Amino acid sequence: MAIVFNSTVSASGANSYASVAELNQYRENLGLSVLSESAAQVALIRATSWLDNCYRSYWKTQEKAVSTQALHWPQDGAKDFAGTQLSKTAIPAQVQQAVYEYTIRAESQTTLDPVPSTNVKSQELEGLGKQDSSTE
């Protein structure tokens, strides 16, 4: 079965925040080899899906720019850290860069889970109280 790839902003069938050309340009700028069309498509779909599912609850606005769009970005009413209104017709550069970085990271890992911090001595988990994770 063929890969179904769609990076059209606000499309109901979109499954990537970036195009293959954009990903490969980013890779070239970092001195990395470009990916084949199919490898890049799969990498972008996986990274977009992971990013959308993992970070959706952290994004301040939960309103899609178009009610029928498949992906969470672009958003209506979203602002950057400086309070500047983000375009509701484009994917923010930071979101695209996160997708590029995760595609690169995924090449050498089997999971896209964040690397746990080695500096955490304790943390409080809701409902569980304080957990000691010190390795000293």
C-alpha atoms as a PDB file:
ATOM      1  CA  MET A   1       0.000   0.000   0.000  1.00  0.00           C
ATOM      2  CA  ALA A   2       1.273   3.464  -0.859  1.00  0.00           C
ATOM      3  CA  ILE A   3       2.007   6.170   1.692  1.00  0.00           C
ATOM      4  CA  VAL A   4      -0.688   8.826   1.905  1.00  0.00           C
ATOM      5  CA  PHE A   5       1.133  12.086   2.645  1.00  0.00           C
ATOM      6  CA  ASN A   6      -0.463  15.511   2.967  1.00  0.00           C
ATOM      7  CA  SER A   7       1.281  18.629   4.285  1.00  0.00           C
ATOM      8  CA  THR A   8      -1.367  21.101   3.118  1.00  0.00           C
ATOM      9  CA  VAL A   9      -1.978  23.658   5.880  1.00  0.00           C
ATOM     10  CA  SER A  10      -5.463  23.348   7.436  1.00  0.00           C
ATOM     11  CA  ALA A  11      -6.427  20.415   5.203  1.00  0.00           C
ATOM     12  CA  SER A  12      -8.870  17.838   6.517  1.00  0.00           C
ATOM     13  CA  GLY A  13      -6.485  15.089   5.384  1.00  0.00           C
ATOM     14  CA  ALA A  14      -3.207  16.675   6.498  1.00  0.00           C
ATOM     15  CA  ASN A  15      -0.795  14.426   8.380  1.00  0.00           C
ATOM     16  CA  SER A  16       2.388  16.516   8.374  1.00  0.00           C
ATOM     17  CA  TYR A  17       3.362  19.996   9.514  1.00  0.00           C
ATOM     18  CA  ALA A  18       6.103  20.197   6.883  1.00  0.00           C
ATOM     19  CA  SER A  19       6.873  19.140   3.345  1.00  0.00           C
ATOM     20  CA  VAL A  20       9.599  16.747   2.250  1.00  0.00           C
ATOM     21  CA  ALA A  21      11.440  19.627   0.566  1.00  0.00           C
ATOM     22  CA  GLU A  22      11.400  21.669   3.795  1.00  0.00           C
ATOM     23  CA  LEU A  23      12.686  18.737   5.842  1.00  0.00           C
ATOM     24  CA  ASN A  24      15.456  17.965   3.379  1.00  0.00           C
ATOM     25  CA  GLN A  25      16.520  21.625   3.226  1.00  0.00           C
ATOM     26  CA  TYR A  26      16.731  21.679   7.031  1.00  0.00           C
ATOM     27  CA  ARG A  27      18.828  18.489   6.934  1.00  0.00           C
ATOM     28  CA  GLU A  28      21.143  19.905   4.269  1.00  0.00           C
ATOM     29  CA  ASN A  29      21.607  23.087   6.310  1.00  0.00           C
ATOM     30  CA  LEU A  30      22.819  20.891   9.181  1.00  0.00           C
ATOM     31  CA  GLY A  31      25.175  18.950   6.930  1.00  0.00           C
ATOM     32  CA  LEU A  32      23.016  15.812   6.986  1.00  0.00           C
ATOM     33  CA  SER A  33      22.106  13.725   3.976  1.00  0.00           C
ATOM     34  CA  VAL A  34      18.664  14.158   2.501  1.00  0.00           C
ATOM     35  CA  LEU A  35      16.070  11.425   2.855  1.00  0.00           C
ATOM     36  CA  SER A  36      14.324   9.685   0.007  1.00  0.00           C
ATOM     37  CA  GLU A  37      10.783  10.854  -0.683  1.00  0.00           C
ATOM     38  CA  SER A  38       9.140   7.868   1.021  1.00  0.00           C
ATOM     39  CA  ALA A  39      11.512   7.825   4.020  1.00  0.00           C
ATOM     40  CA  ALA A  40      10.966  11.559   4.561  1.00  0.00           C
ATOM     41  CA  GLN A  41       7.201  11.209   4.295  1.00  0.00           C
ATOM     42  CA  VAL A  42       7.090   8.423   6.894  1.00  0.00           C
ATOM     43  CA  ALA A  43       9.432  10.357   9.215  1.00  0.00           C
ATOM     44  CA  LEU A  44       7.347  13.537   8.923  1.00  0.00           C
ATOM     45  CA  ILE A  45       4.055  11.728   9.523  1.00  0.00           C
ATOM     46  CA  ARG A  46       5.435   9.983  12.624  1.00  0.00           C
ATOM     47  CA  ALA A  47       6.996  13.155  14.051  1.00  0.00           C
ATOM     48  CA  THR A  48       3.893  15.269  13.399  1.00  0.00           C
ATOM     49  CA  SER A  49       1.638  12.679  14.996  1.00  0.00           C
ATOM     50  CA  TRP A  50       3.883  12.403  18.041  1.00  0.00           C
ATOM     51  CA  LEU A  51       4.213  16.172  18.440  1.00  0.00           C
ATOM     52  CA  ASP A  52       0.480  16.781  18.038  1.00  0.00           C
ATOM     53  CA  ASN A  53      -0.467  14.076  20.530  1.00  0.00           C
ATOM     54  CA  CYS A  54       2.249  14.743  23.090  1.00  0.00           C
ATOM     55  CA  TYR A  55       2.161  18.545  23.266  1.00  0.00           C
ATOM     56  CA  ARG A  56      -1.457  19.399  22.424  1.00  0.00           C
ATOM     57  CA  SER A  57      -2.359  19.954  26.080  1.00  0.00           C
ATOM     58  CA  TYR A  58       0.555  22.411  26.531  1.00  0.00           C
ATOM     59  CA  TRP A  59      -0.547  24.757  23.763  1.00  0.00           C
ATOM     60  CA  LYS A  60      -2.477  27.680  25.249  1.00  0.00           C
ATOM     61  CA  THR A  61      -5.234  27.812  22.678  1.00  0.00           C
ATOM     62  CA  GLN A  62      -7.155  24.732  21.713  1.00  0.00           C
ATOM     63  CA  GLU A  63      -9.020  26.254  18.766  1.00  0.00           C
ATOM     64  CA  LYS A  64      -8.120  25.053  15.310  1.00  0.00           C
ATOM     65  CA  ALA A  65      -8.082  27.783  12.666  1.00  0.00           C
ATOM     66  CA  VAL A  66     -10.449  25.708  10.514  1.00  0.00           C
ATOM     67  CA  SER A  67     -12.869  23.338  12.245  1.00  0.00           C
ATOM     68  CA  THR A  68     -12.310  20.583   9.663  1.00  0.00           C
ATOM     69  CA  GLN A  69      -8.495  20.591   9.765  1.00  0.00           C
ATOM     70  CA  ALA A  70      -6.925  17.288  10.779  1.00  0.00           C
ATOM     71  CA  LEU A  71      -3.965  18.666  12.735  1.00  0.00           C
ATOM     72  CA  HIS A  72      -3.905  21.029  15.683  1.00  0.00           C
ATOM     73  CA  TRP A  73      -1.952  23.812  13.924  1.00  0.00           C
ATOM     74  CA  PRO A  74      -2.587  26.452  12.765  1.00  0.00           C
ATOM     75  CA  GLN A  75      -4.579  27.734  15.723  1.00  0.00           C
ATOM     76  CA  ASP A  76      -6.945  30.662  15.985  1.00  0.00           C
ATOM     77  CA  GLY A  77      -5.865  33.173  18.613  1.00  0.00           C
ATOM     78  CA  ALA A  78      -2.456  31.645  19.339  1.00  0.00           C
ATOM     79  CA  LYS A  79       0.364  33.932  20.476  1.00  0.00           C
ATOM     80  CA  ASP A  80       4.104  33.426  20.810  1.00  0.00           C
ATOM     81  CA  PHE A  81       6.050  33.943  24.061  1.00  0.00           C
ATOM     82  CA  ALA A  82       6.326  37.681  23.385  1.00  0.00           C
ATOM     83  CA  GLY A  83       2.560  37.954  23.009  1.00  0.00           C
ATOM     84  CA  THR A  84       2.651  38.451  19.242  1.00  0.00           C
ATOM     85  CA  GLN A  85      -0.342  36.992  17.425  1.00  0.00           C
ATOM     86  CA  LEU A  86       0.572  33.956  15.296  1.00  0.00           C
ATOM     87  CA  SER A  87      -0.808  33.493  11.813  1.00  0.00           C
ATOM     88  CA  LYS A  88      -3.921  31.370  11.595  1.00  0.00           C
ATOM     89  CA  THR A  89      -3.038  30.428   8.021  1.00  0.00           C
ATOM     90  CA  ALA A  90       0.474  29.035   8.595  1.00  0.00           C
ATOM     91  CA  ILE A  91       2.293  26.548  10.800  1.00  0.00           C
ATOM     92  CA  PRO A  92       4.612  28.340  13.271  1.00  0.00           C
ATOM     93  CA  ALA A  93       8.297  27.921  12.439  1.00  0.00           C
ATOM     94  CA  GLN A  94       8.936  26.555  15.940  1.00  0.00           C
ATOM     95  CA  VAL A  95       6.409  23.751  15.400  1.00  0.00           C
ATOM     96  CA  GLN A  96       7.995  22.861  12.066  1.00  0.00           C
ATOM     97  CA  GLN A  97      11.485  22.911  13.573  1.00  0.00           C
ATOM     98  CA  ALA A  98      10.342  20.562  16.342  1.00  0.00           C
ATOM     99  CA  VAL A  99       9.070  18.163  13.679  1.00  0.00           C
ATOM    100  CA  TYR A 100      12.408  18.325  11.821  1.00  0.00           C
ATOM    101  CA  GLU A 101      14.373  17.701  15.014  1.00  0.00           C
ATOM    102  CA  TYR A 102      12.248  14.708  15.970  1.00  0.00           C
ATOM    103  CA  THR A 103      12.639  13.172  12.518  1.00  0.00           C
ATOM    104  CA  ILE A 104      16.410  13.418  12.950  1.00  0.00           C
ATOM    105  CA  ARG A 105      16.270  12.020  16.475  1.00  0.00           C
ATOM    106  CA  ALA A 106      14.028   9.144  15.428  1.00  0.00           C
ATOM    107  CA  GLU A 107      16.678   7.886  13.011  1.00  0.00           C
ATOM    108  CA  SER A 108      18.821   6.707  15.905  1.00  0.00           C
ATOM    109  CA  GLN A 109      16.088   5.763  18.397  1.00  0.00           C
ATOM    110  CA  THR A 110      13.116   3.464  18.391  1.00  0.00           C
ATOM    111  CA  THR A 111      10.982   5.908  20.379  1.00  0.00           C
ATOM    112  CA  LEU A 112      10.423   9.650  20.300  1.00  0.00           C
ATOM    113  CA  ASP A 113       9.961   9.920  24.059  1.00  0.00           C
ATOM    114  CA  PRO A 114      11.941  12.773  25.602  1.00  0.00           C
ATOM    115  CA  VAL A 115      15.216  11.773  27.208  1.00  0.00           C
ATOM    116  CA  PRO A 116      14.722  11.789  30.985  1.00  0.00           C
ATOM    117  CA  SER A 117      16.762  14.346  32.862  1.00  0.00           C
ATOM    118  CA  THR A 118      19.648  12.954  34.880  1.00  0.00           C
ATOM    119  CA  ASN A 119      19.571  15.981  37.194  1.00  0.00           C
ATOM    120  CA  VAL A 120      16.209  15.201  38.805  1.00  0.00           C
ATOM    121  CA  LYS A 121      16.672  14.252  42.460  1.00  0.00           C
ATOM    122  CA  SER A 122      12.982  14.111  43.328  1.00  0.00           C
ATOM    123  CA  GLN A 123       9.684  14.873  41.760  1.00  0.00           C
ATOM    124  CA  GLU A 124       6.097  15.022  42.914  1.00  0.00           C
ATOM    125  CA  LEU A 125       3.620  13.044  40.893  1.00  0.00           C
ATOM    126  CA  GLU A 126      -0.012  13.913  41.309  1.00  0.00           C
ATOM    127  CA  GLY A 127      -1.638  11.416  43.633  1.00  0.00           C
ATOM    128  CA  LEU A 128       1.630   9.647  44.435  1.00  0.00           C
ATOM    129  CA  GLY A 129       3.483  12.151  46.602  1.00  0.00           C
ATOM    130  CA  LYS A 130       7.220  12.678  46.425  1.00  0.00           C
ATOM    131  CA  GLN A 131       9.301  10.076  44.580  1.00  0.00           C
ATOM    132  CA  ASP A 132      13.051   9.794  45.143  1.00  0.00           C
ATOM    133  CA  SER A 133      14.938   9.202  41.917  1.00  0.00           C
ATOM    134  CA  SER A 134      18.394  10.132  43.157  1.00  0.00           C
ATOM    135  CA  THR A 135      21.261   8.146  41.737  1.00  0.00           C
ATOM    136  CA  GLU A 136      23.961   9.630  43.916  1.00  0.00           C
END
